Amino acid sequence: MAQLFVKDIMENIYGSWAVKFTLKGMVESTGLGFFTDTDDYYADRLAYWGIVPGGKFNPEGTLTYDEMTSLILKLMAYDNHDKGGSPLSKADIAEFGIGGDKGPNAKCTKEQAKMLCDKVILWRHEQNRVTGAKNEKNTRYGGTIFMCDGIYTIKSMLGKKPNQPHLFVNAEGKVELSNSQKQQFKITFKKNALNMNRRTMSLFTIQTMDGKYLGTSGIPVNGSRLIAQKEEFLWWIENGPSEDYEYTSFIEDPDNYHQIVNVSGWKTTDGTPVITWFWRHGTGSDANNCKFIFDKAR
């Protein structure tokens, strides 16, 4: 339980360094450890944050489902204690749809515990997205950090700021760049999901104003052309690095996030195809042809 709370929840949110060195303690640490029957790092973190009391930890014990969820509520209350957001509630946990025996005396299984941790991460990510979208302000050259439902124009990071080429669906239904036409697209949030590396993905559809979905014909592979189609297509829209006051986003295939939408050949001329291509996620390499600026229509 302690390892799941610290690694699967808190380190997923803050990173291991912050969890170890910067998150505030709610209980004064003596430097001698909080427990007489274990020197476990994860248990120590929970006591330091005030989630469990010091004394005897009983590392061989078990928890009921109710005890597990009560501790999760305390952990999220600690996480939210100076942020002012909406606290996690029992009603939220009920909506997680965790299966198995959840009776008052039912022991919490490891499967239930793992599912609870994943659902908490998704819940918190959604809270952050919605709160951020409400408070978001315009930037010098535009761009959205916290994506929400709405009507947007989408332009490439490439080109001369702020008049960069925009995504445009041509008469054949293929997506290309245009320097003269700013086409509007309807962005709709669908769900949050975790990828294989347990990174949280916010998944959206991108539609033309007549209801067609931007996607690819089949599974995206190197060179797949973006087209407007009838079939729904989900994209992971992920906030990218901010450069020169622009807030950029990556548009990735959630089933293979190494396939990312980009501008073919790094070009900015009218008619340049918009395609997907392999991208080594998280390498820090220059990827400006993969960065797009979503400007919400006012």
C-alpha atoms as a PDB file:
ATOM      1  CA  MET A   1       0.000   0.000   0.000  1.00  0.00           C
ATOM      2  CA  ALA A   2       2.701   2.478   0.977  1.00  0.00           C
ATOM      3  CA  GLN A   3       4.722   1.819  -2.169  1.00  0.00           C
ATOM      4  CA  LEU A   4       1.661   2.183  -4.375  1.00  0.00           C
ATOM      5  CA  PHE A   5       0.711   5.501  -2.771  1.00  0.00           C
ATOM      6  CA  VAL A   6       4.195   6.966  -3.047  1.00  0.00           C
ATOM      7  CA  LYS A   7       5.365   5.546  -6.398  1.00  0.00           C
ATOM      8  CA  ASP A   8       2.172   5.061  -8.372  1.00  0.00           C
ATOM      9  CA  ILE A   9       0.455   8.263  -7.240  1.00  0.00           C
ATOM     10  CA  MET A  10       2.789  10.892  -5.782  1.00  0.00           C
ATOM     11  CA  GLU A  11       5.882  10.164  -7.894  1.00  0.00           C
ATOM     12  CA  ASN A  12       3.684  10.022 -10.971  1.00  0.00           C
ATOM     13  CA  ILE A  13       2.456  13.537 -10.130  1.00  0.00           C
ATOM     14  CA  TYR A  14       5.625  15.192  -8.830  1.00  0.00           C
ATOM     15  CA  GLY A  15       8.579  12.970  -9.745  1.00  0.00           C
ATOM     16  CA  SER A  16      10.763  11.000  -7.346  1.00  0.00           C
ATOM     17  CA  TRP A  17      13.111  13.891  -6.490  1.00  0.00           C
ATOM     18  CA  ALA A  18      10.308  16.215  -5.383  1.00  0.00           C
ATOM     19  CA  VAL A  19       8.645  13.444  -3.386  1.00  0.00           C
ATOM     20  CA  LYS A  20      11.879  12.804  -1.527  1.00  0.00           C
ATOM     21  CA  PHE A  21      13.112  16.348  -0.986  1.00  0.00           C
ATOM     22  CA  THR A  22      10.527  19.096  -1.549  1.00  0.00           C
ATOM     23  CA  LEU A  23       6.996  17.993  -0.612  1.00  0.00           C
ATOM     24  CA  LYS A  24       6.079  19.531   2.722  1.00  0.00           C
ATOM     25  CA  GLY A  25       5.771  17.386   5.808  1.00  0.00           C
ATOM     26  CA  MET A  26       2.736  17.672   8.049  1.00  0.00           C
ATOM     27  CA  VAL A  27       4.479  15.894  10.932  1.00  0.00           C
ATOM     28  CA  GLU A  28       7.870  16.916  12.299  1.00  0.00           C
ATOM     29  CA  SER A  29      10.561  14.382  11.430  1.00  0.00           C
ATOM     30  CA  THR A  30      13.058  13.404  14.138  1.00  0.00           C
ATOM     31  CA  GLY A  31      15.443  11.847  11.645  1.00  0.00           C
ATOM     32  CA  LEU A  32      15.100   8.492  13.446  1.00  0.00           C
ATOM     33  CA  GLY A  33      12.143   7.185  11.465  1.00  0.00           C
ATOM     34  CA  PHE A  34       8.474   7.079  12.350  1.00  0.00           C
ATOM     35  CA  PHE A  35       8.025   3.357  13.023  1.00  0.00           C
ATOM     36  CA  THR A  36       9.379   0.757  15.412  1.00  0.00           C
ATOM     37  CA  ASP A  37       8.732  -2.242  13.140  1.00  0.00           C
ATOM     38  CA  THR A  38       9.933  -0.997   9.743  1.00  0.00           C
ATOM     39  CA  ASP A  39      12.419   1.441   8.218  1.00  0.00           C
ATOM     40  CA  ASP A  40      10.652   1.370   4.853  1.00  0.00           C
ATOM     41  CA  TYR A  41      11.055   4.596   2.843  1.00  0.00           C
ATOM     42  CA  TYR A  42       7.506   4.514   1.478  1.00  0.00           C
ATOM     43  CA  ALA A  43       5.888   4.042   4.863  1.00  0.00           C
ATOM     44  CA  ASP A  44       8.066   6.856   6.210  1.00  0.00           C
ATOM     45  CA  ARG A  45       6.832   9.249   3.491  1.00  0.00           C
ATOM     46  CA  LEU A  46       3.205   8.546   4.374  1.00  0.00           C
ATOM     47  CA  ALA A  47       3.825   9.236   8.042  1.00  0.00           C
ATOM     48  CA  TYR A  48       5.760  12.427   7.204  1.00  0.00           C
ATOM     49  CA  TRP A  49       2.785  13.674   5.184  1.00  0.00           C
ATOM     50  CA  GLY A  50       0.366  12.770   7.974  1.00  0.00           C
ATOM     51  CA  ILE A  51      -1.443  10.044   6.032  1.00  0.00           C
ATOM     52  CA  VAL A  52      -0.752   7.299   8.576  1.00  0.00           C
ATOM     53  CA  PRO A  53       0.252   7.662  12.245  1.00  0.00           C
ATOM     54  CA  GLY A  54       3.691   6.744  13.517  1.00  0.00           C
ATOM     55  CA  GLY A  55       4.382   3.920  15.944  1.00  0.00           C
ATOM     56  CA  LYS A  56       3.741   0.441  14.575  1.00  0.00           C
ATOM     57  CA  PHE A  57       3.199   0.129  10.853  1.00  0.00           C
ATOM     58  CA  ASN A  58       2.497  -3.633  10.767  1.00  0.00           C
ATOM     59  CA  PRO A  59       4.034  -4.297   7.313  1.00  0.00           C
ATOM     60  CA  GLU A  60       2.521  -7.802   7.189  1.00  0.00           C
ATOM     61  CA  GLY A  61      -1.013  -6.552   7.804  1.00  0.00           C
ATOM     62  CA  THR A  62      -3.913  -6.192   5.386  1.00  0.00           C
ATOM     63  CA  LEU A  63      -6.344  -3.407   4.557  1.00  0.00           C
ATOM     64  CA  THR A  64     -10.032  -3.487   3.841  1.00  0.00           C
ATOM     65  CA  TYR A  65     -11.316  -1.729   0.729  1.00  0.00           C
ATOM     66  CA  ASP A  66     -12.879   0.950   2.952  1.00  0.00           C
ATOM     67  CA  GLU A  67      -9.572   1.529   4.757  1.00  0.00           C
ATOM     68  CA  MET A  68      -7.739   1.787   1.432  1.00  0.00           C
ATOM     69  CA  THR A  69     -10.147   4.369   0.033  1.00  0.00           C
ATOM     70  CA  SER A  70     -10.105   6.357   3.290  1.00  0.00           C
ATOM     71  CA  LEU A  71      -6.316   6.617   3.069  1.00  0.00           C
ATOM     72  CA  ILE A  72      -6.540   7.691  -0.576  1.00  0.00           C
ATOM     73  CA  LEU A  73      -8.918  10.479   0.442  1.00  0.00           C
ATOM     74  CA  LYS A  74      -6.397  11.614   3.071  1.00  0.00           C
ATOM     75  CA  LEU A  75      -3.555  11.495   0.542  1.00  0.00           C
ATOM     76  CA  MET A  76      -5.458  13.624  -1.955  1.00  0.00           C
ATOM     77  CA  ALA A  77      -6.519  16.043   0.808  1.00  0.00           C
ATOM     78  CA  TYR A  78      -2.818  16.460   1.640  1.00  0.00           C
ATOM     79  CA  ASP A  79      -2.016  16.981  -2.035  1.00  0.00           C
ATOM     80  CA  ASN A  80      -4.727  19.640  -2.296  1.00  0.00           C
ATOM     81  CA  HIS A  81      -4.193  21.327   1.090  1.00  0.00           C
ATOM     82  CA  ASP A  82      -2.705  24.554  -0.335  1.00  0.00           C
ATOM     83  CA  LYS A  83      -4.107  24.512  -3.886  1.00  0.00           C
ATOM     84  CA  GLY A  84      -7.782  25.315  -3.346  1.00  0.00           C
ATOM     85  CA  GLY A  85      -9.095  22.822  -5.896  1.00  0.00           C
ATOM     86  CA  SER A  86     -11.983  20.403  -5.588  1.00  0.00           C
ATOM     87  CA  PRO A  87     -11.157  17.599  -3.123  1.00  0.00           C
ATOM     88  CA  LEU A  88     -11.502  13.944  -4.032  1.00  0.00           C
ATOM     89  CA  SER A  89     -14.701  12.533  -2.525  1.00  0.00           C
ATOM     90  CA  LYS A  90     -16.280   9.166  -1.820  1.00  0.00           C
ATOM     91  CA  ALA A  91     -18.701   9.907  -4.652  1.00  0.00           C
ATOM     92  CA  ASP A  92     -15.751  10.352  -7.041  1.00  0.00           C
ATOM     93  CA  ILE A  93     -14.295   7.010  -5.959  1.00  0.00           C
ATOM     94  CA  ALA A  94     -17.686   5.339  -6.447  1.00  0.00           C
ATOM     95  CA  GLU A  95     -17.685   6.630 -10.029  1.00  0.00           C
ATOM     96  CA  PHE A  96     -14.290   4.985 -10.650  1.00  0.00           C
ATOM     97  CA  GLY A  97     -16.168   1.716 -11.132  1.00  0.00           C
ATOM     98  CA  ILE A  98     -13.682  -0.489  -9.267  1.00  0.00           C
ATOM     99  CA  GLY A  99     -14.797  -4.123  -9.414  1.00  0.00           C
ATOM    100  CA  GLY A 100     -14.548  -6.922  -6.877  1.00  0.00           C
ATOM    101  CA  ASP A 101     -15.820  -7.203  -3.323  1.00  0.00           C
ATOM    102  CA  LYS A 102     -16.145  -3.765  -1.716  1.00  0.00           C
ATOM    103  CA  GLY A 103     -18.104  -4.804   1.365  1.00  0.00           C
ATOM    104  CA  PRO A 104     -17.339  -3.273   4.794  1.00  0.00           C
ATOM    105  CA  ASN A 105     -15.055  -6.159   5.787  1.00  0.00           C
ATOM    106  CA  ALA A 106     -13.694  -7.077   2.345  1.00  0.00           C
ATOM    107  CA  LYS A 107      -9.915  -7.088   2.073  1.00  0.00           C
ATOM    108  CA  CYS A 108      -8.568  -4.797  -0.631  1.00  0.00           C
ATOM    109  CA  THR A 109      -6.861  -6.849  -3.326  1.00  0.00           C
ATOM    110  CA  LYS A 110      -3.713  -5.706  -5.083  1.00  0.00           C
ATOM    111  CA  GLU A 111      -5.699  -5.488  -8.312  1.00  0.00           C
ATOM    112  CA  GLN A 112      -8.221  -3.140  -6.697  1.00  0.00           C
ATOM    113  CA  ALA A 113      -5.398  -1.096  -5.172  1.00  0.00           C
ATOM    114  CA  LYS A 114      -3.623  -0.689  -8.533  1.00  0.00           C
ATOM    115  CA  MET A 115      -6.855   0.295 -10.244  1.00  0.00           C
ATOM    116  CA  LEU A 116      -7.615   2.842  -7.530  1.00  0.00           C
ATOM    117  CA  CYS A 117      -4.177   4.433  -7.977  1.00  0.00           C
ATOM    118  CA  ASP A 118      -4.598   4.671 -11.746  1.00  0.00           C
ATOM    119  CA  LYS A 119      -8.076   6.171 -11.415  1.00  0.00           C
ATOM    120  CA  VAL A 120      -6.792   8.739  -8.899  1.00  0.00           C
ATOM    121  CA  ILE A 121      -4.072   9.816 -11.347  1.00  0.00           C
ATOM    122  CA  LEU A 122      -6.651  10.234 -14.123  1.00  0.00           C
ATOM    123  CA  TRP A 123      -9.009  12.124 -11.790  1.00  0.00           C
ATOM    124  CA  ARG A 124      -6.288  14.510 -10.668  1.00  0.00           C
ATOM    125  CA  HIS A 125      -5.102  15.128 -14.226  1.00  0.00           C
ATOM    126  CA  GLU A 126      -8.658  16.041 -15.225  1.00  0.00           C
ATOM    127  CA  GLN A 127      -9.021  18.385 -12.247  1.00  0.00           C
ATOM    128  CA  ASN A 128      -5.816  20.139 -13.290  1.00  0.00           C
ATOM    129  CA  ARG A 129      -6.909  20.386 -16.932  1.00  0.00           C
ATOM    130  CA  VAL A 130     -10.341  21.824 -16.167  1.00  0.00           C
ATOM    131  CA  THR A 131      -9.075  24.277 -13.532  1.00  0.00           C
ATOM    132  CA  GLY A 132      -6.248  25.407 -15.807  1.00  0.00           C
ATOM    133  CA  ALA A 133      -8.620  25.952 -18.738  1.00  0.00           C
ATOM    134  CA  LYS A 134     -10.874  28.174 -16.615  1.00  0.00           C
ATOM    135  CA  ASN A 135      -7.961  30.359 -15.514  1.00  0.00           C
ATOM    136  CA  GLU A 136      -5.966  30.413 -18.730  1.00  0.00           C
ATOM    137  CA  LYS A 137      -4.980  33.814 -20.134  1.00  0.00           C
ATOM    138  CA  ASN A 138      -3.872  34.902 -23.586  1.00  0.00           C
ATOM    139  CA  THR A 139      -0.181  34.799 -24.434  1.00  0.00           C
ATOM    140  CA  ARG A 140       1.757  37.141 -26.663  1.00  0.00           C
ATOM    141  CA  TYR A 141       1.650  34.924 -29.744  1.00  0.00           C
ATOM    142  CA  GLY A 142      -1.314  32.782 -28.722  1.00  0.00           C
ATOM    143  CA  GLY A 143      -1.554  29.120 -27.944  1.00  0.00           C
ATOM    144  CA  THR A 144      -3.405  26.956 -25.432  1.00  0.00           C
ATOM    145  CA  ILE A 145      -1.906  25.108 -22.457  1.00  0.00           C
ATOM    146  CA  PHE A 146      -5.009  23.477 -20.983  1.00  0.00           C
ATOM    147  CA  MET A 147      -7.073  22.139 -23.855  1.00  0.00           C
ATOM    148  CA  CYS A 148     -10.864  22.164 -23.448  1.00  0.00           C
ATOM    149  CA  ASP A 149     -13.912  21.864 -25.671  1.00  0.00           C
ATOM    150  CA  GLY A 150     -14.191  24.704 -28.143  1.00  0.00           C
ATOM    151  CA  ILE A 151     -13.533  26.092 -31.603  1.00  0.00           C
ATOM    152  CA  TYR A 152      -9.860  26.582 -32.523  1.00  0.00           C
ATOM    153  CA  THR A 153      -7.581  27.469 -35.380  1.00  0.00           C
ATOM    154  CA  ILE A 154      -4.390  25.388 -35.549  1.00  0.00           C
ATOM    155  CA  LYS A 155      -1.124  26.762 -36.893  1.00  0.00           C
ATOM    156  CA  SER A 156       2.360  25.356 -37.271  1.00  0.00           C
ATOM    157  CA  MET A 157       5.242  26.344 -35.014  1.00  0.00           C
ATOM    158  CA  LEU A 158       7.247  26.826 -38.207  1.00  0.00           C
ATOM    159  CA  GLY A 159       7.261  30.137 -40.034  1.00  0.00           C
ATOM    160  CA  LYS A 160       7.449  33.787 -39.078  1.00  0.00           C
ATOM    161  CA  LYS A 161       5.637  34.606 -35.837  1.00  0.00           C
ATOM    162  CA  PRO A 162       2.813  35.346 -35.393  1.00  0.00           C
ATOM    163  CA  ASN A 163       1.701  34.812 -39.011  1.00  0.00           C
ATOM    164  CA  GLN A 164       2.529  31.128 -39.307  1.00  0.00           C
ATOM    165  CA  PRO A 165       0.717  28.800 -41.745  1.00  0.00           C
ATOM    166  CA  HIS A 166      -2.505  27.156 -40.559  1.00  0.00           C
ATOM    167  CA  LEU A 167      -3.902  23.663 -40.949  1.00  0.00           C
ATOM    168  CA  PHE A 168      -6.404  23.561 -43.785  1.00  0.00           C
ATOM    169  CA  VAL A 169      -8.514  20.791 -45.352  1.00  0.00           C
ATOM    170  CA  ASN A 170      -8.329  21.028 -49.148  1.00  0.00           C
ATOM    171  CA  ALA A 171     -11.040  20.124 -51.649  1.00  0.00           C
ATOM    172  CA  GLU A 172      -9.878  16.492 -51.670  1.00  0.00           C
ATOM    173  CA  GLY A 173     -10.287  16.208 -47.895  1.00  0.00           C
ATOM    174  CA  LYS A 174      -6.525  16.162 -47.229  1.00  0.00           C
ATOM    175  CA  VAL A 175      -4.894  18.290 -44.542  1.00  0.00           C
ATOM    176  CA  GLU A 176      -2.214  20.742 -45.635  1.00  0.00           C
ATOM    177  CA  LEU A 177      -0.782  24.142 -44.718  1.00  0.00           C
ATOM    178  CA  SER A 178      -2.269  27.425 -45.816  1.00  0.00           C
ATOM    179  CA  ASN A 179      -0.781  30.890 -45.329  1.00  0.00           C
ATOM    180  CA  SER A 180      -3.957  32.689 -46.350  1.00  0.00           C
ATOM    181  CA  GLN A 181      -6.842  30.690 -44.853  1.00  0.00           C
ATOM    182  CA  LYS A 182      -7.519  30.133 -41.146  1.00  0.00           C
ATOM    183  CA  GLN A 183      -9.859  27.178 -40.970  1.00  0.00           C
ATOM    184  CA  GLN A 184     -11.679  26.547 -37.705  1.00  0.00           C
ATOM    185  CA  PHE A 185     -11.870  23.137 -36.028  1.00  0.00           C
ATOM    186  CA  LYS A 186     -14.075  21.804 -33.257  1.00  0.00           C
ATOM    187  CA  ILE A 187     -12.071  20.226 -30.408  1.00  0.00           C
ATOM    188  CA  THR A 188     -13.968  17.820 -28.122  1.00  0.00           C
ATOM    189  CA  PHE A 189     -12.582  16.149 -25.004  1.00  0.00           C
ATOM    190  CA  LYS A 190     -13.347  12.409 -24.877  1.00  0.00           C
ATOM    191  CA  LYS A 191     -11.471  10.808 -21.977  1.00  0.00           C
ATOM    192  CA  ASN A 192      -8.238  10.497 -20.034  1.00  0.00           C
ATOM    193  CA  ALA A 193      -6.106   7.364 -20.309  1.00  0.00           C
ATOM    194  CA  LEU A 194      -2.726   6.047 -19.177  1.00  0.00           C
ATOM    195  CA  ASN A 195      -0.186   4.886 -21.747  1.00  0.00           C
ATOM    196  CA  MET A 196       2.258   2.017 -21.278  1.00  0.00           C
ATOM    197  CA  ASN A 197       4.652   4.296 -19.361  1.00  0.00           C
ATOM    198  CA  ARG A 198       1.796   5.435 -17.076  1.00  0.00           C
ATOM    199  CA  ARG A 199       1.785   8.917 -18.536  1.00  0.00           C
ATOM    200  CA  THR A 200      -1.643  10.512 -18.508  1.00  0.00           C
ATOM    201  CA  MET A 201      -3.119  11.250 -21.920  1.00  0.00           C
ATOM    202  CA  SER A 202      -5.991  13.647 -22.555  1.00  0.00           C
ATOM    203  CA  LEU A 203      -7.743  12.337 -25.666  1.00  0.00           C
ATOM    204  CA  PHE A 204      -9.688  14.589 -28.048  1.00  0.00           C
ATOM    205  CA  THR A 205     -11.330  14.562 -31.434  1.00  0.00           C
ATOM    206  CA  ILE A 206     -10.543  17.262 -33.992  1.00  0.00           C
ATOM    207  CA  GLN A 207     -13.445  17.956 -36.365  1.00  0.00           C
ATOM    208  CA  THR A 208     -14.115  20.242 -39.272  1.00  0.00           C
ATOM    209  CA  MET A 209     -17.079  22.544 -38.810  1.00  0.00           C
ATOM    210  CA  ASP A 210     -19.198  20.216 -40.972  1.00  0.00           C
ATOM    211  CA  GLY A 211     -18.520  17.338 -38.573  1.00  0.00           C
ATOM    212  CA  LYS A 212     -15.761  15.321 -40.232  1.00  0.00           C
ATOM    213  CA  TYR A 213     -12.909  13.996 -38.097  1.00  0.00           C
ATOM    214  CA  LEU A 214      -9.229  14.657 -38.723  1.00  0.00           C
ATOM    215  CA  GLY A 215      -7.489  11.298 -38.736  1.00  0.00           C
ATOM    216  CA  THR A 216      -5.637   8.828 -40.919  1.00  0.00           C
ATOM    217  CA  SER A 217      -6.834   5.991 -43.093  1.00  0.00           C
ATOM    218  CA  GLY A 218      -5.968   3.045 -40.859  1.00  0.00           C
ATOM    219  CA  ILE A 219      -3.249   2.897 -38.209  1.00  0.00           C
ATOM    220  CA  PRO A 220      -0.805   5.826 -38.531  1.00  0.00           C
ATOM    221  CA  VAL A 221       2.586   4.893 -39.991  1.00  0.00           C
ATOM    222  CA  ASN A 222       5.426   7.025 -41.316  1.00  0.00           C
ATOM    223  CA  GLY A 223       3.998   9.354 -43.935  1.00  0.00           C
ATOM    224  CA  SER A 224       0.298   8.800 -43.178  1.00  0.00           C
ATOM    225  CA  ARG A 225      -1.592  11.805 -44.517  1.00  0.00           C
ATOM    226  CA  LEU A 226      -4.085  13.544 -42.280  1.00  0.00           C
ATOM    227  CA  ILE A 227      -7.513  13.506 -43.884  1.00  0.00           C
ATOM    228  CA  ALA A 228     -11.067  14.551 -43.013  1.00  0.00           C
ATOM    229  CA  GLN A 229     -13.194  11.412 -42.614  1.00  0.00           C
ATOM    230  CA  LYS A 230     -16.516  10.190 -41.224  1.00  0.00           C
ATOM    231  CA  GLU A 231     -14.937   7.787 -38.709  1.00  0.00           C
ATOM    232  CA  GLU A 232     -14.110   9.149 -35.254  1.00  0.00           C
ATOM    233  CA  PHE A 233     -10.380   9.374 -34.537  1.00  0.00           C
ATOM    234  CA  LEU A 234      -8.851  10.083 -31.121  1.00  0.00           C
ATOM    235  CA  TRP A 235      -5.708  12.165 -30.646  1.00  0.00           C
ATOM    236  CA  TRP A 236      -3.554  12.711 -27.579  1.00  0.00           C
ATOM    237  CA  ILE A 237      -3.074  16.489 -27.469  1.00  0.00           C
ATOM    238  CA  GLU A 238      -0.118  17.116 -25.172  1.00  0.00           C
ATOM    239  CA  ASN A 239       1.238  20.470 -24.065  1.00  0.00           C
ATOM    240  CA  GLY A 240       4.671  21.169 -25.561  1.00  0.00           C
ATOM    241  CA  PRO A 241       7.565  23.473 -24.701  1.00  0.00           C
ATOM    242  CA  SER A 242       6.892  27.202 -24.740  1.00  0.00           C
ATOM    243  CA  GLU A 243       9.153  29.108 -27.118  1.00  0.00           C
ATOM    244  CA  ASP A 244       9.105  32.847 -27.741  1.00  0.00           C
ATOM    245  CA  TYR A 245       5.840  33.298 -25.802  1.00  0.00           C
ATOM    246  CA  GLU A 246       4.065  30.645 -27.880  1.00  0.00           C
ATOM    247  CA  TYR A 247       2.327  27.762 -26.126  1.00  0.00           C
ATOM    248  CA  THR A 248       2.599  24.726 -28.343  1.00  0.00           C
ATOM    249  CA  SER A 249       1.044  21.271 -28.411  1.00  0.00           C
ATOM    250  CA  PHE A 250       1.948  17.872 -29.785  1.00  0.00           C
ATOM    251  CA  ILE A 251      -0.744  15.805 -31.544  1.00  0.00           C
ATOM    252  CA  GLU A 252      -0.002  12.118 -31.032  1.00  0.00           C
ATOM    253  CA  ASP A 253      -1.552   8.754 -31.781  1.00  0.00           C
ATOM    254  CA  PRO A 254      -2.553   7.466 -28.309  1.00  0.00           C
ATOM    255  CA  ASP A 255      -2.085   3.843 -29.387  1.00  0.00           C
ATOM    256  CA  ASN A 256       1.480   4.572 -30.545  1.00  0.00           C
ATOM    257  CA  TYR A 257       2.606   7.916 -29.203  1.00  0.00           C
ATOM    258  CA  HIS A 258       5.814   7.704 -31.254  1.00  0.00           C
ATOM    259  CA  GLN A 259       3.625   8.492 -34.273  1.00  0.00           C
ATOM    260  CA  ILE A 260       3.171  12.237 -34.101  1.00  0.00           C
ATOM    261  CA  VAL A 261       1.543  14.764 -36.425  1.00  0.00           C
ATOM    262  CA  ASN A 262       4.106  16.941 -38.191  1.00  0.00           C
ATOM    263  CA  VAL A 263       4.708  19.172 -41.195  1.00  0.00           C
ATOM    264  CA  SER A 264       6.277  17.257 -44.072  1.00  0.00           C
ATOM    265  CA  GLY A 265       9.833  18.328 -44.896  1.00  0.00           C
ATOM    266  CA  TRP A 266       9.770  21.211 -42.390  1.00  0.00           C
ATOM    267  CA  LYS A 267       8.169  23.351 -45.112  1.00  0.00           C
ATOM    268  CA  THR A 268       5.820  26.311 -44.643  1.00  0.00           C
ATOM    269  CA  THR A 269       4.537  26.803 -48.193  1.00  0.00           C
ATOM    270  CA  ASP A 270       0.887  26.470 -49.196  1.00  0.00           C
ATOM    271  CA  GLY A 271      -0.111  22.879 -49.871  1.00  0.00           C
ATOM    272  CA  THR A 272       2.581  21.312 -47.663  1.00  0.00           C
ATOM    273  CA  PRO A 273       1.169  17.938 -46.491  1.00  0.00           C
ATOM    274  CA  VAL A 274       0.454  17.380 -42.797  1.00  0.00           C
ATOM    275  CA  ILE A 275       1.374  13.797 -41.942  1.00  0.00           C
ATOM    276  CA  THR A 276       2.384  11.508 -39.083  1.00  0.00           C
ATOM    277  CA  TRP A 277       5.947  10.325 -38.524  1.00  0.00           C
ATOM    278  CA  PHE A 278       8.035   8.476 -35.970  1.00  0.00           C
ATOM    279  CA  TRP A 279       9.246  10.637 -33.101  1.00  0.00           C
ATOM    280  CA  ARG A 280      11.316   9.449 -30.162  1.00  0.00           C
ATOM    281  CA  HIS A 281       9.168  10.805 -27.374  1.00  0.00           C
ATOM    282  CA  GLY A 282      10.938  12.627 -24.549  1.00  0.00           C
ATOM    283  CA  THR A 283      14.435  12.809 -26.076  1.00  0.00           C
ATOM    284  CA  GLY A 284      14.540  16.599 -26.012  1.00  0.00           C
ATOM    285  CA  SER A 285      15.473  16.715 -29.692  1.00  0.00           C
ATOM    286  CA  ASP A 286      14.327  19.669 -31.779  1.00  0.00           C
ATOM    287  CA  ALA A 287      10.809  18.909 -32.959  1.00  0.00           C
ATOM    288  CA  ASN A 288       9.437  22.257 -34.111  1.00  0.00           C
ATOM    289  CA  ASN A 289       7.837  20.641 -37.155  1.00  0.00           C
ATOM    290  CA  CYS A 290       5.762  18.588 -34.670  1.00  0.00           C
ATOM    291  CA  LYS A 291       4.584  21.584 -32.661  1.00  0.00           C
ATOM    292  CA  PHE A 292       1.261  23.298 -33.266  1.00  0.00           C
ATOM    293  CA  ILE A 293      -0.417  26.336 -31.723  1.00  0.00           C
ATOM    294  CA  PHE A 294      -4.114  25.966 -30.867  1.00  0.00           C
ATOM    295  CA  ASP A 295      -5.764  29.401 -30.755  1.00  0.00           C
ATOM    296  CA  LYS A 296      -9.287  29.403 -29.325  1.00  0.00           C
ATOM    297  CA  ALA A 297     -11.818  31.444 -31.283  1.00  0.00           C
ATOM    298  CA  ARG A 298     -13.100  34.325 -29.153  1.00  0.00           C
END
